[in-house]
PDB file of N, CA and C in Angstrom:
ATOM      1  N   UNK A   1    -180.090 146.454  93.592  1.00  0.00           N
ATOM      2  CA  UNK A   1    -180.354 145.042  93.817  1.00  0.00           C
ATOM      3  C   UNK A   1    -180.016 144.210  92.581  1.00  0.00           C
ATOM      4  N   UNK A   2    -180.252 144.760  91.398  1.00  0.00           N
ATOM      5  CA  UNK A   2    -179.950 143.986  90.188  1.00  0.00           C
ATOM      6  C   UNK A   2    -178.455 143.770  90.026  1.00  0.00           C
ATOM      7  N   UNK A   3    -177.651 144.674  90.590  1.00  0.00           N
ATOM      8  CA  UNK A   3    -176.204 144.471  90.529  1.00  0.00           C
ATOM      9  C   UNK A   3    -175.796 143.233  91.315  1.00  0.00           C
ATOM     10  N   UNK A   4    -176.416 143.013  92.473  1.00  0.00           N
ATOM     11  CA  UNK A   4    -176.104 141.835  93.281  1.00  0.00           C
ATOM     12  C   UNK A   4    -176.572 140.554  92.604  1.00  0.00           C
ATOM     13  N   UNK A   5    -177.738 140.615  91.943  1.00  0.00           N
ATOM     14  CA  UNK A   5    -178.258 139.418  91.278  1.00  0.00           C
ATOM     15  C   UNK A   5    -177.371 138.964  90.133  1.00  0.00           C
ATOM     16  N   UNK A   6    -176.723 139.890  89.448  1.00  0.00           N
ATOM     17  CA  UNK A   6    -175.867 139.532  88.329  1.00  0.00           C
ATOM     18  C   UNK A   6    -174.401 139.383  88.720  1.00  0.00           C
ATOM     19  N   UNK A   7    -174.083 139.521  89.988  1.00  0.00           N
ATOM     20  CA  UNK A   7    -172.701 139.399  90.460  1.00  0.00           C
ATOM     21  C   UNK A   7    -172.285 137.928  90.508  1.00  0.00           C
ATOM     22  N   UNK A   8    -171.154 137.629  89.915  1.00  0.00           N
ATOM     23  CA  UNK A   8    -170.668 136.250  89.833  1.00  0.00           C
ATOM     24  C   UNK A   8    -170.357 135.703  91.221  1.00  0.00           C
ATOM     25  N   UNK A   9    -169.700 136.502  92.041  1.00  0.00           N
ATOM     26  CA  UNK A   9    -169.337 136.057  93.385  1.00  0.00           C
ATOM     27  C   UNK A   9    -170.567 135.740  94.225  1.00  0.00           C
ATOM     28  N   UNK A  10    -171.548 136.607  94.151  1.00  0.00           N
ATOM     29  CA  UNK A  10    -172.785 136.430  94.917  1.00  0.00           C
ATOM     30  C   UNK A  10    -173.490 135.132  94.526  1.00  0.00           C
ATOM     31  N   UNK A  11    -173.608 134.871  93.229  1.00  0.00           N
ATOM     32  CA  UNK A  11    -174.285 133.666  92.758  1.00  0.00           C
ATOM     33  C   UNK A  11    -173.498 132.400  93.095  1.00  0.00           C
ATOM     34  N   UNK A  12    -172.189 132.431  92.925  1.00  0.00           N
ATOM     35  CA  UNK A  12    -171.376 131.250  93.232  1.00  0.00           C
ATOM     36  C   UNK A  12    -171.426 130.924  94.723  1.00  0.00           C
ATOM     37  N   UNK A  13    -171.360 131.954  95.555  1.00  0.00           N
ATOM     38  CA  UNK A  13    -171.426 131.733  97.002  1.00  0.00           C
ATOM     39  C   UNK A  13    -172.804 131.207  97.400  1.00  0.00           C
ATOM     40  N   UNK A  14    -173.862 131.734  96.777  1.00  0.00           N
ATOM     41  CA  UNK A  14    -175.219 131.261  97.080  1.00  0.00           C
ATOM     42  C   UNK A  14    -175.383 129.790  96.700  1.00  0.00           C
ATOM     43  N   UNK A  15    -174.830 129.380  95.562  1.00  0.00           N
ATOM     44  CA  UNK A  15    -174.913 127.980  95.137  1.00  0.00           C
ATOM     45  C   UNK A  15    -174.145 127.086  96.102  1.00  0.00           C
ATOM     46  N   UNK A  16    -172.974 127.514  96.510  1.00  0.00           N
ATOM     47  CA  UNK A  16    -172.154 126.711  97.419  1.00  0.00           C
ATOM     48  C   UNK A  16    -172.816 126.592  98.794  1.00  0.00           C
ATOM     49  N   UNK A  17    -173.399 127.674  99.290  1.00  0.00           N
ATOM     50  CA  UNK A  17    -174.085 127.616 100.585  1.00  0.00           C
ATOM     51  C   UNK A  17    -175.293 126.683 100.508  1.00  0.00           C
ATOM     52  N   UNK A  18    -176.059 126.775  99.425  1.00  0.00           N
ATOM     53  CA  UNK A  18    -177.210 125.880  99.263  1.00  0.00           C
ATOM     54  C   UNK A  18    -176.757 124.432  99.131  1.00  0.00           C
ATOM     55  N   UNK A  19    -175.616 124.218  98.501  1.00  0.00           N
ATOM     56  CA  UNK A  19    -175.068 122.866  98.369  1.00  0.00           C
ATOM     57  C   UNK A  19    -174.678 122.300  99.728  1.00  0.00           C
ATOM     58  N   UNK A  20    -174.085 123.109 100.569  1.00  0.00           N
ATOM     59  CA  UNK A  20    -173.710 122.666 101.914  1.00  0.00           C
ATOM     60  C   UNK A  20    -174.961 122.340 102.729  1.00  0.00           C
ATOM     61  N   UNK A  21    -175.971 123.178 102.639  1.00  0.00           N
ATOM     62  CA  UNK A  21    -177.221 122.923 103.369  1.00  0.00           C
ATOM     63  C   UNK A  21    -177.880 121.641 102.868  1.00  0.00           C
ATOM     64  N   UNK A  22    -177.943 121.466 101.540  1.00  0.00           N
ATOM     65  CA  UNK A  22    -178.576 120.271 100.969  1.00  0.00           C
ATOM     66  C   UNK A  22    -177.796 119.009 101.338  1.00  0.00           C
ATOM     67  N   UNK A  23    -176.477 119.087 101.325  1.00  0.00           N
ATOM     68  CA  UNK A  23    -175.677 117.917 101.712  1.00  0.00           C
ATOM     69  C   UNK A  23    -175.845 117.589 103.183  1.00  0.00           C
ATOM     70  N   UNK A  24    -175.961 118.608 104.031  1.00  0.00           N
ATOM     71  CA  UNK A  24    -176.165 118.321 105.451  1.00  0.00           C
ATOM     72  C   UNK A  24    -177.532 117.693 105.687  1.00  0.00           C
ATOM     73  N   UNK A  25    -178.522 118.043 104.871  1.00  0.00           N
ATOM     74  CA  UNK A  25    -179.834 117.405 104.984  1.00  0.00           C
ATOM     75  C   UNK A  25    -179.743 115.939 104.594  1.00  0.00           C
ATOM     76  N   UNK A  26    -179.089 115.656 103.465  1.00  0.00           N
ATOM     77  CA  UNK A  26    -179.018 114.262 103.005  1.00  0.00           C
ATOM     78  C   UNK A  26    -178.107 113.411 103.887  1.00  0.00           C
ATOM     79  N   UNK A  27    -177.087 113.989 104.461  1.00  0.00           N
ATOM     80  CA  UNK A  27    -176.198 113.209 105.316  1.00  0.00           C
ATOM     81  C   UNK A  27    -176.856 112.861 106.649  1.00  0.00           C
ATOM     82  N   UNK A  28    -177.891 113.606 107.031  1.00  0.00           N
ATOM     83  CA  UNK A  28    -178.559 113.307 108.296  1.00  0.00           C
ATOM     84  C   UNK A  28    -179.732 112.343 108.132  1.00  0.00           C
ATOM     85  N   UNK A  29    -179.995 111.882 106.923  1.00  0.00           N
ATOM     86  CA  UNK A  29    -181.095 110.936 106.691  1.00  0.00           C
ATOM     87  C   UNK A  29    -180.712 109.557 107.210  1.00  0.00           C
ATOM     88  N   UNK A  30    -181.723 108.718 107.433  1.00  0.00           N
ATOM     89  CA  UNK A  30    -181.516 107.358 107.924  1.00  0.00           C
ATOM     90  C   UNK A  30    -181.409 106.410 106.728  1.00  0.00           C
ATOM     91  N   UNK A  31    -180.217 105.886 106.518  1.00  0.00           N
ATOM     92  CA  UNK A  31    -179.956 104.994 105.387  1.00  0.00           C
ATOM     93  C   UNK A  31    -179.829 103.545 105.847  1.00  0.00           C
ATOM     94  N   UNK A  32    -180.651 103.114 106.754  1.00  0.00           N
ATOM     95  CA  UNK A  32    -180.497 101.805 107.372  1.00  0.00           C
ATOM     96  C   UNK A  32    -180.657 100.649 106.385  1.00  0.00           C
ATOM     97  N   UNK A  33    -181.456 100.788 105.356  1.00  0.00           N
ATOM     98  CA  UNK A  33    -181.654  99.684 104.427  1.00  0.00           C
ATOM     99  C   UNK A  33    -181.052  99.911 103.066  1.00  0.00           C
ATOM    100  N   UNK A  34    -180.301 100.984 102.879  1.00  0.00           N
ATOM    101  CA  UNK A  34    -179.815 101.337 101.550  1.00  0.00           C
ATOM    102  C   UNK A  34    -178.548 100.585 101.161  1.00  0.00           C
ATOM    103  N   UNK A  35    -177.726 100.222 102.102  1.00  0.00           N
ATOM    104  CA  UNK A  35    -176.490  99.517 101.790  1.00  0.00           C
ATOM    105  C   UNK A  35    -175.473 100.407 101.103  1.00  0.00           C
ATOM    106  N   UNK A  36    -174.836  99.876 100.068  1.00  0.00           N
ATOM    107  CA  UNK A  36    -173.801 100.625  99.350  1.00  0.00           C
ATOM    108  C   UNK A  36    -174.370 101.775  98.527  1.00  0.00           C
ATOM    109  N   UNK A  37    -175.640 101.709  98.181  1.00  0.00           N
ATOM    110  CA  UNK A  37    -176.244 102.787  97.404  1.00  0.00           C
ATOM    111  C   UNK A  37    -176.303 104.088  98.197  1.00  0.00           C
ATOM    112  N   UNK A  38    -176.247 104.001  99.501  1.00  0.00           N
ATOM    113  CA  UNK A  38    -176.310 105.193 100.354  1.00  0.00           C
ATOM    114  C   UNK A  38    -175.132 106.120 100.090  1.00  0.00           C
ATOM    115  N   UNK A  39    -174.007 105.557  99.712  1.00  0.00           N
ATOM    116  CA  UNK A  39    -172.833 106.383  99.430  1.00  0.00           C
ATOM    117  C   UNK A  39    -173.106 107.297  98.246  1.00  0.00           C
ATOM    118  N   UNK A  40    -173.732 106.773  97.224  1.00  0.00           N
ATOM    119  CA  UNK A  40    -174.046 107.571  96.041  1.00  0.00           C
ATOM    120  C   UNK A  40    -175.199 108.529  96.330  1.00  0.00           C
ATOM    121  N   UNK A  41    -176.201 108.053  97.031  1.00  0.00           N
ATOM    122  CA  UNK A  41    -177.384 108.869  97.310  1.00  0.00           C
ATOM    123  C   UNK A  41    -177.022 110.097  98.137  1.00  0.00           C
ATOM    124  N   UNK A  42    -176.100 109.961  99.066  1.00  0.00           N
ATOM    125  CA  UNK A  42    -175.705 111.088  99.910  1.00  0.00           C
ATOM    126  C   UNK A  42    -175.119 112.238  99.110  1.00  0.00           C
ATOM    127  N   UNK A  43    -174.464 111.932  98.004  1.00  0.00           N
ATOM    128  CA  UNK A  43    -173.745 112.949  97.247  1.00  0.00           C
ATOM    129  C   UNK A  43    -174.531 113.514  96.076  1.00  0.00           C
ATOM    130  N   UNK A  44    -175.785 113.129  95.891  1.00  0.00           N
ATOM    131  CA  UNK A  44    -176.580 113.636  94.770  1.00  0.00           C
ATOM    132  C   UNK A  44    -176.724 115.168  94.812  1.00  0.00           C
ATOM    133  N   UNK A  45    -177.045 115.802  95.953  1.00  0.00           N
ATOM    134  CA  UNK A  45    -177.122 117.274  95.953  1.00  0.00           C
ATOM    135  C   UNK A  45    -175.783 117.945  95.624  1.00  0.00           C
ATOM    136  N   UNK A  46    -174.681 117.342  96.029  1.00  0.00           N
ATOM    137  CA  UNK A  46    -173.373 117.916  95.706  1.00  0.00           C
ATOM    138  C   UNK A  46    -173.107 117.849  94.202  1.00  0.00           C
ATOM    139  N   UNK A  47    -173.498 116.752  93.583  1.00  0.00           N
ATOM    140  CA  UNK A  47    -173.333 116.616  92.134  1.00  0.00           C
ATOM    141  C   UNK A  47    -174.196 117.641  91.407  1.00  0.00           C
ATOM    142  N   UNK A  48    -175.424 117.827  91.877  1.00  0.00           N
ATOM    143  CA  UNK A  48    -176.311 118.833  91.278  1.00  0.00           C
ATOM    144  C   UNK A  48    -175.724 120.231  91.462  1.00  0.00           C
ATOM    145  N   UNK A  49    -175.130 120.496  92.613  1.00  0.00           N
ATOM    146  CA  UNK A  49    -174.510 121.795  92.871  1.00  0.00           C
ATOM    147  C   UNK A  49    -173.337 122.070  91.958  1.00  0.00           C
ATOM    148  N   UNK A  50    -172.489 121.075  91.753  1.00  0.00           N
ATOM    149  CA  UNK A  50    -171.340 121.251  90.857  1.00  0.00           C
ATOM    150  C   UNK A  50    -171.816 121.455  89.413  1.00  0.00           C
ATOM    151  N   UNK A  51    -172.823 120.699  89.003  1.00  0.00           N
ATOM    152  CA  UNK A  51    -173.379 120.885  87.660  1.00  0.00           C
ATOM    153  C   UNK A  51    -174.009 122.269  87.514  1.00  0.00           C
ATOM    154  N   UNK A  52    -174.655 122.754  88.555  1.00  0.00           N
ATOM    155  CA  UNK A  52    -175.233 124.094  88.522  1.00  0.00           C
ATOM    156  C   UNK A  52    -174.144 125.144  88.358  1.00  0.00           C
ATOM    157  N   UNK A  53    -173.036 124.980  89.067  1.00  0.00           N
ATOM    158  CA  UNK A  53    -171.919 125.923  88.913  1.00  0.00           C
ATOM    159  C   UNK A  53    -171.359 125.894  87.496  1.00  0.00           C
ATOM    160  N   UNK A  54    -171.185 124.708  86.925  1.00  0.00           N
ATOM    161  CA  UNK A  54    -170.680 124.613  85.555  1.00  0.00           C
ATOM    162  C   UNK A  54    -171.633 125.261  84.568  1.00  0.00           C
ATOM    163  N   UNK A  55    -172.930 124.995  84.707  1.00  0.00           N
ATOM    164  CA  UNK A  55    -173.923 125.583  83.805  1.00  0.00           C
ATOM    165  C   UNK A  55    -173.975 127.097  83.990  1.00  0.00           C
ATOM    166  N   UNK A  56    -173.856 127.546  85.230  1.00  0.00           N
ATOM    167  CA  UNK A  56    -173.863 128.986  85.488  1.00  0.00           C
ATOM    168  C   UNK A  56    -172.682 129.680  84.811  1.00  0.00           C
ATOM    169  N   UNK A  57    -171.489 129.129  84.987  1.00  0.00           N
ATOM    170  CA  UNK A  57    -170.317 129.762  84.392  1.00  0.00           C
ATOM    171  C   UNK A  57    -170.328 129.653  82.867  1.00  0.00           C
ATOM    172  N   UNK A  58    -170.873 128.577  82.319  1.00  0.00           N
ATOM    173  CA  UNK A  58    -171.000 128.467  80.864  1.00  0.00           C
ATOM    174  C   UNK A  58    -172.017 129.475  80.332  1.00  0.00           C
ATOM    175  N   UNK A  59    -173.080 129.703  81.082  1.00  0.00           N
ATOM    176  CA  UNK A  59    -174.083 130.666  80.637  1.00  0.00           C
ATOM    177  C   UNK A  59    -173.563 132.097  80.728  1.00  0.00           C
ATOM    178  N   UNK A  60    -172.601 132.338  81.597  1.00  0.00           N
ATOM    179  CA  UNK A  60    -171.992 133.673  81.685  1.00  0.00           C
ATOM    180  C   UNK A  60    -171.274 134.030  80.396  1.00  0.00           C
ATOM    181  N   UNK A  61    -170.797 133.024  79.669  1.00  0.00           N
ATOM    182  CA  UNK A  61    -170.124 133.288  78.401  1.00  0.00           C
ATOM    183  C   UNK A  61    -171.122 133.676  77.305  1.00  0.00           C
ATOM    184  N   UNK A  62    -172.333 133.130  77.381  1.00  0.00           N
ATOM    185  CA  UNK A  62    -173.335 133.368  76.345  1.00  0.00           C
ATOM    186  C   UNK A  62    -174.233 134.558  76.699  1.00  0.00           C
ATOM    187  N   UNK A  63    -174.769 134.542  77.904  1.00  0.00           N
ATOM    188  CA  UNK A  63    -175.695 135.583  78.348  1.00  0.00           C
ATOM    189  C   UNK A  63    -174.983 136.531  79.300  1.00  0.00           C
ATOM    190  N   UNK A  64    -175.325 137.780  79.231  1.00  0.00           N
ATOM    191  CA  UNK A  64    -174.725 138.745  80.160  1.00  0.00           C
ATOM    192  C   UNK A  64    -175.678 139.135  81.287  1.00  0.00           C
ATOM    193  N   UNK A  65    -176.969 138.864  81.096  1.00  0.00           N
ATOM    194  CA  UNK A  65    -177.959 139.192  82.121  1.00  0.00           C
ATOM    195  C   UNK A  65    -178.766 137.947  82.447  1.00  0.00           C
ATOM    196  N   UNK A  66    -179.467 138.017  83.537  1.00  0.00           N
ATOM    197  CA  UNK A  66    -180.418 136.983  83.964  1.00  0.00           C
ATOM    198  C   UNK A  66    -179.787 135.617  84.218  1.00  0.00           C
ATOM    199  N   UNK A  67    -178.524 135.571  84.560  1.00  0.00           N
ATOM    200  CA  UNK A  67    -177.884 134.314  84.936  1.00  0.00           C
ATOM    201  C   UNK A  67    -178.290 133.884  86.342  1.00  0.00           C
ATOM    202  N   UNK A  68    -178.835 134.798  87.103  1.00  0.00           N
ATOM    203  CA  UNK A  68    -179.284 134.470  88.449  1.00  0.00           C
ATOM    204  C   UNK A  68    -180.421 133.464  88.403  1.00  0.00           C
ATOM    205  N   UNK A  69    -181.139 133.389  87.295  1.00  0.00           N
ATOM    206  CA  UNK A  69    -182.213 132.411  87.158  1.00  0.00           C
ATOM    207  C   UNK A  69    -181.690 130.989  87.182  1.00  0.00           C
ATOM    208  N   UNK A  70    -180.542 130.782  86.577  1.00  0.00           N
ATOM    209  CA  UNK A  70    -179.905 129.463  86.576  1.00  0.00           C
ATOM    210  C   UNK A  70    -179.483 129.106  87.999  1.00  0.00           C
ATOM    211  N   UNK A  71    -178.949 130.079  88.714  1.00  0.00           N
ATOM    212  CA  UNK A  71    -178.557 129.846  90.112  1.00  0.00           C
ATOM    213  C   UNK A  71    -179.772 129.500  90.962  1.00  0.00           C
ATOM    214  N   UNK A  72    -180.832 130.258  90.795  1.00  0.00           N
ATOM    215  CA  UNK A  72    -182.040 130.024  91.575  1.00  0.00           C
ATOM    216  C   UNK A  72    -182.647 128.663  91.258  1.00  0.00           C
ATOM    217  N   UNK A  73    -182.696 128.299  89.997  1.00  0.00           N
ATOM    218  CA  UNK A  73    -183.232 127.000  89.603  1.00  0.00           C
ATOM    219  C   UNK A  73    -182.396 125.857  90.183  1.00  0.00           C
ATOM    220  N   UNK A  74    -181.070 125.971  90.131  1.00  0.00           N
ATOM    221  CA  UNK A  74    -180.195 124.950  90.695  1.00  0.00           C
ATOM    222  C   UNK A  74    -180.355 124.816  92.202  1.00  0.00           C
ATOM    223  N   UNK A  75    -180.498 125.949  92.888  1.00  0.00           N
ATOM    224  CA  UNK A  75    -180.679 125.927  94.341  1.00  0.00           C
ATOM    225  C   UNK A  75    -182.002 125.253  94.701  1.00  0.00           C
ATOM    226  N   UNK A  76    -183.049 125.590  93.979  1.00  0.00           N
ATOM    227  CA  UNK A  76    -184.360 124.979  94.253  1.00  0.00           C
ATOM    228  C   UNK A  76    -184.316 123.476  94.005  1.00  0.00           C
ATOM    229  N   UNK A  77    -183.702 123.061  92.901  1.00  0.00           N
ATOM    230  CA  UNK A  77    -183.610 121.624  92.592  1.00  0.00           C
ATOM    231  C   UNK A  77    -182.812 120.894  93.662  1.00  0.00           C
ATOM    232  N   UNK A  78    -181.697 121.470  94.099  1.00  0.00           N
ATOM    233  CA  UNK A  78    -180.885 120.840  95.144  1.00  0.00           C
ATOM    234  C   UNK A  78    -181.676 120.634  96.422  1.00  0.00           C
ATOM    235  N   UNK A  79    -182.389 121.664  96.848  1.00  0.00           N
ATOM    236  CA  UNK A  79    -183.126 121.570  98.101  1.00  0.00           C
ATOM    237  C   UNK A  79    -184.313 120.616  97.998  1.00  0.00           C
ATOM    238  N   UNK A  80    -184.992 120.605  96.853  1.00  0.00           N
ATOM    239  CA  UNK A  80    -186.113 119.680  96.679  1.00  0.00           C
ATOM    240  C   UNK A  80    -185.618 118.234  96.695  1.00  0.00           C
ATOM    241  N   UNK A  81    -184.516 117.964  96.010  1.00  0.00           N
ATOM    242  CA  UNK A  81    -183.955 116.608  95.990  1.00  0.00           C
ATOM    243  C   UNK A  81    -183.491 116.198  97.384  1.00  0.00           C
ATOM    244  N   UNK A  82    -182.859 117.119  98.105  1.00  0.00           N
ATOM    245  CA  UNK A  82    -182.387 116.800  99.450  1.00  0.00           C
ATOM    246  C   UNK A  82    -183.549 116.477 100.393  1.00  0.00           C
ATOM    247  N   UNK A  83    -184.623 117.245 100.302  1.00  0.00           N
ATOM    248  CA  UNK A  83    -185.780 116.984 101.156  1.00  0.00           C
ATOM    249  C   UNK A  83    -186.451 115.674 100.768  1.00  0.00           C
ATOM    250  N   UNK A  84    -186.512 115.390  99.465  1.00  0.00           N
ATOM    251  CA  UNK A  84    -187.101 114.123  99.010  1.00  0.00           C
ATOM    252  C   UNK A  84    -186.272 112.926  99.480  1.00  0.00           C
ATOM    253  N   UNK A  85    -184.959 113.040  99.441  1.00  0.00           N
ATOM    254  CA  UNK A  85    -184.092 111.966  99.936  1.00  0.00           C
ATOM    255  C   UNK A  85    -184.267 111.803 101.442  1.00  0.00           C
ATOM    256  N   UNK A  86    -184.357 112.921 102.154  1.00  0.00           N
ATOM    257  CA  UNK A  86    -184.510 112.851 103.601  1.00  0.00           C
ATOM    258  C   UNK A  86    -185.820 112.173 104.000  1.00  0.00           C
ATOM    259  N   UNK A  87    -186.877 112.398 103.249  1.00  0.00           N
ATOM    260  CA  UNK A  87    -188.189 111.836 103.581  1.00  0.00           C
ATOM    261  C   UNK A  87    -188.395 110.424 103.049  1.00  0.00           C
ATOM    262  N   UNK A  88    -187.449 109.880 102.318  1.00  0.00           N
ATOM    263  CA  UNK A  88    -187.578 108.540 101.767  1.00  0.00           C
ATOM    264  C   UNK A  88    -187.286 107.501 102.848  1.00  0.00           C
ATOM    265  N   UNK A  89    -188.103 106.447 102.873  1.00  0.00           N
ATOM    266  CA  UNK A  89    -187.898 105.342 103.812  1.00  0.00           C
ATOM    267  C   UNK A  89    -187.022 104.295 103.122  1.00  0.00           C
ATOM    268  N   UNK A  90    -185.766 104.213 103.505  1.00  0.00           N
ATOM    269  CA  UNK A  90    -184.826 103.303 102.860  1.00  0.00           C
ATOM    270  C   UNK A  90    -184.924 101.879 103.379  1.00  0.00           C
ATOM    271  N   UNK A  91    -185.720 101.663 104.392  1.00  0.00           N
ATOM    272  CA  UNK A  91    -185.833 100.308 104.923  1.00  0.00           C
ATOM    273  C   UNK A  91    -186.648  99.426 103.993  1.00  0.00           C
ATOM    274  N   UNK A  92    -187.522 100.005 103.163  1.00  0.00           N
ATOM    275  CA  UNK A  92    -188.320  99.191 102.254  1.00  0.00           C
ATOM    276  C   UNK A  92    -187.506  98.781 101.030  1.00  0.00           C
ATOM    277  N   UNK A  93    -187.085  99.739 100.236  1.00  0.00           N
ATOM    278  CA  UNK A  93    -186.239  99.417  99.080  1.00  0.00           C
ATOM    279  C   UNK A  93    -185.628 100.688  98.544  1.00  0.00           C
ATOM    280  N   UNK A  94    -184.608 100.542  97.751  1.00  0.00           N
ATOM    281  CA  UNK A  94    -183.927 101.673  97.160  1.00  0.00           C
ATOM    282  C   UNK A  94    -184.683 102.190  95.941  1.00  0.00           C
ATOM    283  N   UNK A  95    -185.580 101.415  95.380  1.00  0.00           N
ATOM    284  CA  UNK A  95    -186.298 101.829  94.178  1.00  0.00           C
ATOM    285  C   UNK A  95    -187.332 102.909  94.471  1.00  0.00           C
ATOM    286  N   UNK A  96    -187.502 103.317  95.703  1.00  0.00           N
ATOM    287  CA  UNK A  96    -188.471 104.363  96.033  1.00  0.00           C
ATOM    288  C   UNK A  96    -188.032 105.721  95.457  1.00  0.00           C
ATOM    289  N   UNK A  97    -186.734 105.914  95.281  1.00  0.00           N
ATOM    290  CA  UNK A  97    -186.248 107.157  94.702  1.00  0.00           C
ATOM    291  C   UNK A  97    -186.435 107.198  93.186  1.00  0.00           C
ATOM    292  N   UNK A  98    -186.408 106.061  92.557  1.00  0.00           N
ATOM    293  CA  UNK A  98    -186.482 106.032  91.101  1.00  0.00           C
ATOM    294  C   UNK A  98    -187.886 106.000  90.682  1.00  0.00           C
TER     295      UNK A  98
END
């Protein structure tokens, strides 16, 4: 099992799958009052996913073990942000996210 956790392909695929799930959650939210900000808000999980991939690959150069922790942390952050965006009521104001 530890071989799979430290496998680069496994971690990259897991991050990409979580990114797709998080983006599908945010794209299905109701952005009726957000206006132009909705375009940026929809892509926040994708930006977090790309940053997670960059940090993961940079950490592979420094650390040889336990890089799966970075993947897991990025996946959790993406999903939490996506759920928070989905549950936000955009009809009141955009400042509810900040």
